[in-house]
PDB file of N, CA and C in Angstrom:
ATOM      1  N   MET A   1       8.328  -7.429  10.027  1.00  0.00           N
ATOM      2  CA  MET A   1       8.562  -6.121   9.980  1.00  0.00           C
ATOM      3  C   MET A   1       8.730  -5.648   8.546  1.00  0.00           C
ATOM      4  N   ALA A   2       8.171  -4.647   8.302  1.00  0.00           N
ATOM      5  CA  ALA A   2       7.906  -4.044   6.825  1.00  0.00           C
ATOM      6  C   ALA A   2       9.352  -3.350   6.534  1.00  0.00           C
ATOM      7  N   GLN A   3      10.003  -3.524   5.536  1.00  0.00           N
ATOM      8  CA  GLN A   3      11.276  -2.752   5.054  1.00  0.00           C
ATOM      9  C   GLN A   3      10.794  -1.601   4.349  1.00  0.00           C
ATOM     10  N   GLU A   4      11.580  -0.554   4.879  1.00  0.00           N
ATOM     11  CA  GLU A   4      11.493   0.655   4.532  1.00  0.00           C
ATOM     12  C   GLU A   4      12.229   1.104   2.966  1.00  0.00           C
ATOM     13  N   ILE A   5      11.177   1.680   2.286  1.00  0.00           N
ATOM     14  CA  ILE A   5      11.684   1.909   0.840  1.00  0.00           C
ATOM     15  C   ILE A   5      11.853   3.659   0.679  1.00  0.00           C
ATOM     16  N   LYS A   6      13.132   4.057   0.692  1.00  0.00           N
ATOM     17  CA  LYS A   6      13.180   5.600   0.871  1.00  0.00           C
ATOM     18  C   LYS A   6      13.007   6.183  -0.665  1.00  0.00           C
ATOM     19  N   LEU A   7      12.094   7.047  -0.790  1.00  0.00           N
ATOM     20  CA  LEU A   7      11.728   7.673  -2.139  1.00  0.00           C
ATOM     21  C   LEU A   7      12.575   8.838  -2.350  1.00  0.00           C
ATOM     22  N   LYS A   8      13.250   8.968  -3.473  1.00  0.00           N
ATOM     23  CA  LYS A   8      13.983  10.330  -3.727  1.00  0.00           C
ATOM     24  C   LYS A   8      13.278  11.145  -4.751  1.00  0.00           C
ATOM     25  N   THR A   9      12.092  10.488  -5.413  1.00  0.00           N
ATOM     26  CA  THR A   9      11.172  11.117  -6.204  1.00  0.00           C
ATOM     27  C   THR A   9       9.951  11.381  -5.385  1.00  0.00           C
ATOM     28  N   PRO A  10       8.783  12.155  -5.927  1.00  0.00           N
ATOM     29  CA  PRO A  10       7.499  12.159  -5.369  1.00  0.00           C
ATOM     30  C   PRO A  10       6.818  10.918  -5.008  1.00  0.00           C
ATOM     31  N   TYR A  11       6.968   9.772  -6.119  1.00  0.00           N
ATOM     32  CA  TYR A  11       6.484   8.631  -6.111  1.00  0.00           C
ATOM     33  C   TYR A  11       7.373   7.688  -7.043  1.00  0.00           C
ATOM     34  N   ILE A  12       7.074   6.179  -6.952  1.00  0.00           N
ATOM     35  CA  ILE A  12       7.437   5.320  -7.760  1.00  0.00           C
ATOM     36  C   ILE A  12       6.557   4.399  -8.234  1.00  0.00           C
ATOM     37  N   THR A  13       6.534   3.746  -9.075  1.00  0.00           N
ATOM     38  CA  THR A  13       5.519   2.775  -9.544  1.00  0.00           C
ATOM     39  C   THR A  13       5.694   1.409  -8.856  1.00  0.00           C
ATOM     40  N   LEU A  14       4.641   0.561  -8.847  1.00  0.00           N
ATOM     41  CA  LEU A  14       4.732  -0.764  -8.443  1.00  0.00           C
ATOM     42  C   LEU A  14       5.892  -1.665  -8.936  1.00  0.00           C
ATOM     43  N   GLY A  15       5.837  -1.403 -10.357  1.00  0.00           N
ATOM     44  CA  GLY A  15       7.048  -2.149 -11.176  1.00  0.00           C
ATOM     45  C   GLY A  15       8.517  -1.553 -10.600  1.00  0.00           C
ATOM     46  N   GLN A  16       8.642  -0.363 -10.310  1.00  0.00           N
ATOM     47  CA  GLN A  16       9.850   0.099  -9.962  1.00  0.00           C
ATOM     48  C   GLN A  16      10.233  -0.361  -8.451  1.00  0.00           C
ATOM     49  N   LEU A  17       9.187  -0.611  -7.543  1.00  0.00           N
ATOM     50  CA  LEU A  17       9.322  -0.993  -6.472  1.00  0.00           C
ATOM     51  C   LEU A  17       9.735  -2.528  -6.475  1.00  0.00           C
ATOM     52  N   LEU A  18       9.354  -3.376  -7.380  1.00  0.00           N
ATOM     53  CA  LEU A  18       9.528  -4.663  -7.209  1.00  0.00           C
ATOM     54  C   LEU A  18      11.196  -4.899  -7.783  1.00  0.00           C
ATOM     55  N   LYS A  19      11.716  -4.139  -8.483  1.00  0.00           N
ATOM     56  CA  LYS A  19      13.062  -4.047  -8.936  1.00  0.00           C
ATOM     57  C   LYS A  19      13.908  -3.558  -7.626  1.00  0.00           C
ATOM     58  N   ILE A  20      13.643  -2.343  -6.873  1.00  0.00           N
ATOM     59  CA  ILE A  20      14.272  -1.847  -6.041  1.00  0.00           C
ATOM     60  C   ILE A  20      14.321  -2.869  -4.921  1.00  0.00           C
ATOM     61  N   ALA A  21      13.420  -3.420  -4.584  1.00  0.00           N
ATOM     62  CA  ALA A  21      13.189  -4.519  -3.302  1.00  0.00           C
ATOM     63  C   ALA A  21      13.935  -5.755  -3.732  1.00  0.00           C
ATOM     64  N   ASP A  22      14.328  -6.132  -4.879  1.00  0.00           N
ATOM     65  CA  ASP A  22      15.224  -7.229  -5.635  1.00  0.00           C
ATOM     66  C   ASP A  22      14.050  -8.453  -5.269  1.00  0.00           C
ATOM     67  N   VAL A  23      12.828  -7.922  -5.744  1.00  0.00           N
ATOM     68  CA  VAL A  23      11.916  -9.078  -5.945  1.00  0.00           C
ATOM     69  C   VAL A  23      12.170  -9.846  -7.341  1.00  0.00           C
ATOM     70  N   ILE A  24      12.439  -8.803  -8.292  1.00  0.00           N
ATOM     71  CA  ILE A  24      12.642  -9.201  -9.692  1.00  0.00           C
ATOM     72  C   ILE A  24      14.169  -8.529 -10.171  1.00  0.00           C
ATOM     73  N   SER A  25      14.737  -9.309 -11.069  1.00  0.00           N
ATOM     74  CA  SER A  25      16.216  -8.731 -11.406  1.00  0.00           C
ATOM     75  C   SER A  25      16.296  -7.549 -12.447  1.00  0.00           C
ATOM     76  N   SER A  26      15.122  -7.664 -13.449  1.00  0.00           N
ATOM     77  CA  SER A  26      15.013  -6.497 -14.219  1.00  0.00           C
ATOM     78  C   SER A  26      13.642  -6.088 -14.566  1.00  0.00           C
ATOM     79  N   GLY A  27      13.655  -4.685 -15.024  1.00  0.00           N
ATOM     80  CA  GLY A  27      12.288  -3.902 -15.218  1.00  0.00           C
ATOM     81  C   GLY A  27      11.346  -5.017 -16.062  1.00  0.00           C
ATOM     82  N   GLY A  28      11.853  -5.495 -17.037  1.00  0.00           N
ATOM     83  CA  GLY A  28      11.196  -6.327 -17.889  1.00  0.00           C
ATOM     84  C   GLY A  28      10.500  -7.418 -17.203  1.00  0.00           C
ATOM     85  N   GLN A  29      10.889  -8.017 -16.202  1.00  0.00           N
ATOM     86  CA  GLN A  29      10.305  -8.870 -15.413  1.00  0.00           C
ATOM     87  C   GLN A  29       8.979  -8.524 -14.722  1.00  0.00           C
ATOM     88  N   ALA A  30       8.778  -7.205 -14.482  1.00  0.00           N
ATOM     89  CA  ALA A  30       7.567  -6.771 -13.840  1.00  0.00           C
ATOM     90  C   ALA A  30       6.154  -7.152 -14.158  1.00  0.00           C
ATOM     91  N   LYS A  31       6.068  -7.330 -15.493  1.00  0.00           N
ATOM     92  CA  LYS A  31       4.825  -7.570 -16.220  1.00  0.00           C
ATOM     93  C   LYS A  31       4.536  -8.875 -15.764  1.00  0.00           C
ATOM     94  N   TRP A  32       5.549  -9.794 -16.245  1.00  0.00           N
ATOM     95  CA  TRP A  32       5.305 -11.363 -15.813  1.00  0.00           C
ATOM     96  C   TRP A  32       4.895 -11.494 -14.515  1.00  0.00           C
ATOM     97  N   PHE A  33       5.755 -10.898 -13.664  1.00  0.00           N
ATOM     98  CA  PHE A  33       5.715 -11.288 -12.172  1.00  0.00           C
ATOM     99  C   PHE A  33       4.150 -11.008 -11.585  1.00  0.00           C
ATOM    100  N   LEU A  34       3.798  -9.577 -11.870  1.00  0.00           N
ATOM    101  CA  LEU A  34       2.374  -9.157 -11.501  1.00  0.00           C
ATOM    102  C   LEU A  34       1.246 -10.129 -12.235  1.00  0.00           C
ATOM    103  N   GLN A  35       1.494 -10.422 -13.477  1.00  0.00           N
ATOM    104  CA  GLN A  35       0.585 -11.359 -14.100  1.00  0.00           C
ATOM    105  C   GLN A  35       0.507 -12.516 -13.180  1.00  0.00           C
ATOM    106  N   GLU A  36       1.626 -13.210 -12.850  1.00  0.00           N
ATOM    107  CA  GLU A  36       1.643 -14.725 -12.004  1.00  0.00           C
ATOM    108  C   GLU A  36       1.054 -14.448 -10.723  1.00  0.00           C
ATOM    109  N   TYR A  37       1.634 -13.507  -9.994  1.00  0.00           N
ATOM    110  CA  TYR A  37       1.370 -13.440  -8.399  1.00  0.00           C
ATOM    111  C   TYR A  37       0.472 -12.135  -7.955  1.00  0.00           C
ATOM    112  N   GLY A  38      -0.308 -11.624  -8.985  1.00  0.00           N
ATOM    113  CA  GLY A  38      -0.998 -10.461  -8.851  1.00  0.00           C
ATOM    114  C   GLY A  38      -2.178 -10.591  -7.614  1.00  0.00           C
ATOM    115  N   GLU A  39      -2.591 -11.889  -7.736  1.00  0.00           N
ATOM    116  CA  GLU A  39      -3.407 -11.949  -6.461  1.00  0.00           C
ATOM    117  C   GLU A  39      -2.962 -11.891  -4.992  1.00  0.00           C
ATOM    118  N   ASP A  40      -1.647 -12.143  -4.935  1.00  0.00           N
ATOM    119  CA  ASP A  40      -0.821 -12.088  -3.686  1.00  0.00           C
ATOM    120  C   ASP A  40      -0.190 -10.462  -3.337  1.00  0.00           C
ATOM    121  N   ILE A  41      -0.613  -9.548  -4.240  1.00  0.00           N
ATOM    122  CA  ILE A  41      -0.156  -8.273  -3.722  1.00  0.00           C
ATOM    123  C   ILE A  41      -1.109  -7.311  -3.430  1.00  0.00           C
ATOM    124  N   PHE A  42      -0.696  -6.584  -2.406  1.00  0.00           N
ATOM    125  CA  PHE A  42      -1.543  -5.805  -1.756  1.00  0.00           C
ATOM    126  C   PHE A  42      -1.081  -4.227  -1.680  1.00  0.00           C
ATOM    127  N   VAL A  43      -1.619  -3.310  -1.926  1.00  0.00           N
ATOM    128  CA  VAL A  43      -1.358  -1.946  -1.787  1.00  0.00           C
ATOM    129  C   VAL A  43      -2.303  -1.264  -0.699  1.00  0.00           C
ATOM    130  N   ASN A  44      -1.865  -0.987   0.298  1.00  0.00           N
ATOM    131  CA  ASN A  44      -2.735  -0.389   1.656  1.00  0.00           C
ATOM    132  C   ASN A  44      -3.917  -1.056   1.806  1.00  0.00           C
ATOM    133  N   GLY A  45      -3.621  -2.513   1.691  1.00  0.00           N
ATOM    134  CA  GLY A  45      -4.580  -3.586   2.217  1.00  0.00           C
ATOM    135  C   GLY A  45      -5.675  -3.844   1.045  1.00  0.00           C
ATOM    136  N   GLU A  46      -5.332  -3.216   0.060  1.00  0.00           N
ATOM    137  CA  GLU A  46      -6.349  -3.638  -1.090  1.00  0.00           C
ATOM    138  C   GLU A  46      -5.404  -4.194  -2.436  1.00  0.00           C
ATOM    139  N   ASN A  47      -6.147  -5.331  -2.999  1.00  0.00           N
ATOM    140  CA  ASN A  47      -5.423  -6.001  -4.025  1.00  0.00           C
ATOM    141  C   ASN A  47      -5.074  -5.292  -5.219  1.00  0.00           C
ATOM    142  N   ASP A  48      -4.031  -4.917  -5.663  1.00  0.00           N
ATOM    143  CA  ASP A  48      -3.661  -4.174  -6.779  1.00  0.00           C
ATOM    144  C   ASP A  48      -2.371  -4.666  -7.367  1.00  0.00           C
ATOM    145  N   PHE A  49      -2.486  -4.800  -8.530  1.00  0.00           N
ATOM    146  CA  PHE A  49      -1.298  -5.336  -9.326  1.00  0.00           C
ATOM    147  C   PHE A  49      -0.928  -4.719 -10.486  1.00  0.00           C
ATOM    148  N   ARG A  50      -1.243  -3.458 -10.846  1.00  0.00           N
ATOM    149  CA  ARG A  50      -1.052  -2.613 -11.834  1.00  0.00           C
ATOM    150  C   ARG A  50       0.495  -2.328 -11.797  1.00  0.00           C
ATOM    151  N   ARG A  51       1.019  -2.390 -12.709  1.00  0.00           N
ATOM    152  CA  ARG A  51       2.497  -2.191 -12.712  1.00  0.00           C
ATOM    153  C   ARG A  51       2.726  -0.652 -12.537  1.00  0.00           C
ATOM    154  N   GLY A  52       1.789   0.155 -13.282  1.00  0.00           N
ATOM    155  CA  GLY A  52       2.042   1.543 -13.059  1.00  0.00           C
ATOM    156  C   GLY A  52       1.570   2.442 -11.812  1.00  0.00           C
ATOM    157  N   ARG A  53       0.894   1.466 -10.872  1.00  0.00           N
ATOM    158  CA  ARG A  53       0.296   2.135  -9.707  1.00  0.00           C
ATOM    159  C   ARG A  53       1.406   3.035  -9.211  1.00  0.00           C
ATOM    160  N   LYS A  54       1.010   4.234  -8.769  1.00  0.00           N
ATOM    161  CA  LYS A  54       1.912   5.052  -8.395  1.00  0.00           C
ATOM    162  C   LYS A  54       1.791   4.880  -6.583  1.00  0.00           C
ATOM    163  N   LEU A  55       2.999   4.716  -6.098  1.00  0.00           N
ATOM    164  CA  LEU A  55       3.130   4.469  -4.731  1.00  0.00           C
ATOM    165  C   LEU A  55       3.997   5.834  -3.919  1.00  0.00           C
ATOM    166  N   TYR A  56       3.280   6.415  -3.205  1.00  0.00           N
ATOM    167  CA  TYR A  56       3.732   7.675  -2.299  1.00  0.00           C
ATOM    168  C   TYR A  56       4.214   7.369  -1.011  1.00  0.00           C
ATOM    169  N   PRO A  57       4.973   8.262  -0.471  1.00  0.00           N
ATOM    170  CA  PRO A  57       5.336   8.062   0.933  1.00  0.00           C
ATOM    171  C   PRO A  57       4.052   7.694   1.838  1.00  0.00           C
ATOM    172  N   GLY A  58       3.958   6.967   2.890  1.00  0.00           N
ATOM    173  CA  GLY A  58       2.964   6.409   3.520  1.00  0.00           C
ATOM    174  C   GLY A  58       2.423   5.203   3.075  1.00  0.00           C
ATOM    175  N   ASP A  59       2.542   4.794   1.768  1.00  0.00           N
ATOM    176  CA  ASP A  59       1.874   3.594   1.033  1.00  0.00           C
ATOM    177  C   ASP A  59       2.581   2.248   1.613  1.00  0.00           C
ATOM    178  N   LYS A  60       1.735   1.272   1.864  1.00  0.00           N
ATOM    179  CA  LYS A  60       2.484  -0.061   2.272  1.00  0.00           C
ATOM    180  C   LYS A  60       1.904  -1.111   1.439  1.00  0.00           C
ATOM    181  N   VAL A  61       3.008  -1.825   0.699  1.00  0.00           N
ATOM    182  CA  VAL A  61       2.834  -2.789  -0.191  1.00  0.00           C
ATOM    183  C   VAL A  61       2.966  -4.379   0.529  1.00  0.00           C
ATOM    184  N   GLU A  62       2.324  -5.064   0.317  1.00  0.00           N
ATOM    185  CA  GLU A  62       2.446  -6.423   1.022  1.00  0.00           C
ATOM    186  C   GLU A  62       2.401  -7.675   0.058  1.00  0.00           C
ATOM    187  N   ILE A  63       3.392  -8.252  -0.173  1.00  0.00           N
ATOM    188  CA  ILE A  63       3.576  -9.402  -1.189  1.00  0.00           C
ATOM    189  C   ILE A  63       3.708 -10.574  -0.441  1.00  0.00           C
ATOM    190  N   GLU A  64       2.732 -11.670  -0.466  1.00  0.00           N
ATOM    191  CA  GLU A  64       2.947 -12.784   0.007  1.00  0.00           C
ATOM    192  C   GLU A  64       3.963 -13.550  -0.207  1.00  0.00           C
ATOM    193  N   ASN A  65       4.739 -14.040   0.551  1.00  0.00           N
ATOM    194  CA  ASN A  65       5.921 -14.919   0.609  1.00  0.00           C
ATOM    195  C   ASN A  65       7.020 -14.102   0.050  1.00  0.00           C
ATOM    196  N   VAL A  66       6.920 -12.677   0.241  1.00  0.00           N
ATOM    197  CA  VAL A  66       8.088 -12.022  -0.281  1.00  0.00           C
ATOM    198  C   VAL A  66       8.363 -11.043   1.040  1.00  0.00           C
ATOM    199  N   GLY A  67       7.459 -10.171   1.380  1.00  0.00           N
ATOM    200  CA  GLY A  67       7.420  -9.134   2.507  1.00  0.00           C
ATOM    201  C   GLY A  67       6.608  -8.064   2.469  1.00  0.00           C
ATOM    202  N   SER A  68       6.842  -7.219   3.255  1.00  0.00           N
ATOM    203  CA  SER A  68       5.973  -5.960   3.306  1.00  0.00           C
ATOM    204  C   SER A  68       7.219  -4.610   3.041  1.00  0.00           C
ATOM    205  N   PHE A  69       6.559  -3.741   2.462  1.00  0.00           N
ATOM    206  CA  PHE A  69       7.371  -2.430   2.181  1.00  0.00           C
ATOM    207  C   PHE A  69       6.527  -1.368   2.521  1.00  0.00           C
ATOM    208  N   ILE A  70       7.215  -0.407   3.045  1.00  0.00           N
ATOM    209  CA  ILE A  70       6.661   0.914   3.510  1.00  0.00           C
ATOM    210  C   ILE A  70       7.448   2.111   2.760  1.00  0.00           C
ATOM    211  N   MET A  71       6.679   3.004   1.969  1.00  0.00           N
ATOM    212  CA  MET A  71       7.315   4.100   1.255  1.00  0.00           C
ATOM    213  C   MET A  71       7.663   5.191   2.303  1.00  0.00           C
ATOM    214  N   LYS A  72       8.888   5.782   2.319  1.00  0.00           N
ATOM    215  CA  LYS A  72       9.225   6.815   3.057  1.00  0.00           C
ATOM    216  C   LYS A  72       9.829   7.810   2.028  1.00  0.00           C
ATOM    217  N   GLU A  73       9.714   9.126   2.694  1.00  0.00           N
ATOM    218  CA  GLU A  73      10.501  10.102   1.917  1.00  0.00           C
ATOM    219  C   GLU A  73      11.851  10.029   2.418  1.00  0.00           C
ATOM    220  N   ALA A  74      12.807  10.385   1.360  1.00  0.00           N
ATOM    221  CA  ALA A  74      14.142  10.270   1.345  1.00  0.00           C
ATOM    222  C   ALA A  74      14.699  11.552   2.366  1.00  0.00           C
TER     223      ALA A  74
END
């Protein structure tokens, strides 16, 4: 089952999601994580590992061996 991420702003970036979801411990690790595991990251079913990718309510992010996340309005 996908974990819901409540957005308090109109959108967040993929890098911010990684920190919010406790996939990484600091924002500085986002670039490294995305370079290493980019081929295992899917946004709305398409491979996408851009740190600045904007995620809006309704978007679904799947990271292999980590989990699924659905963006929801707060």
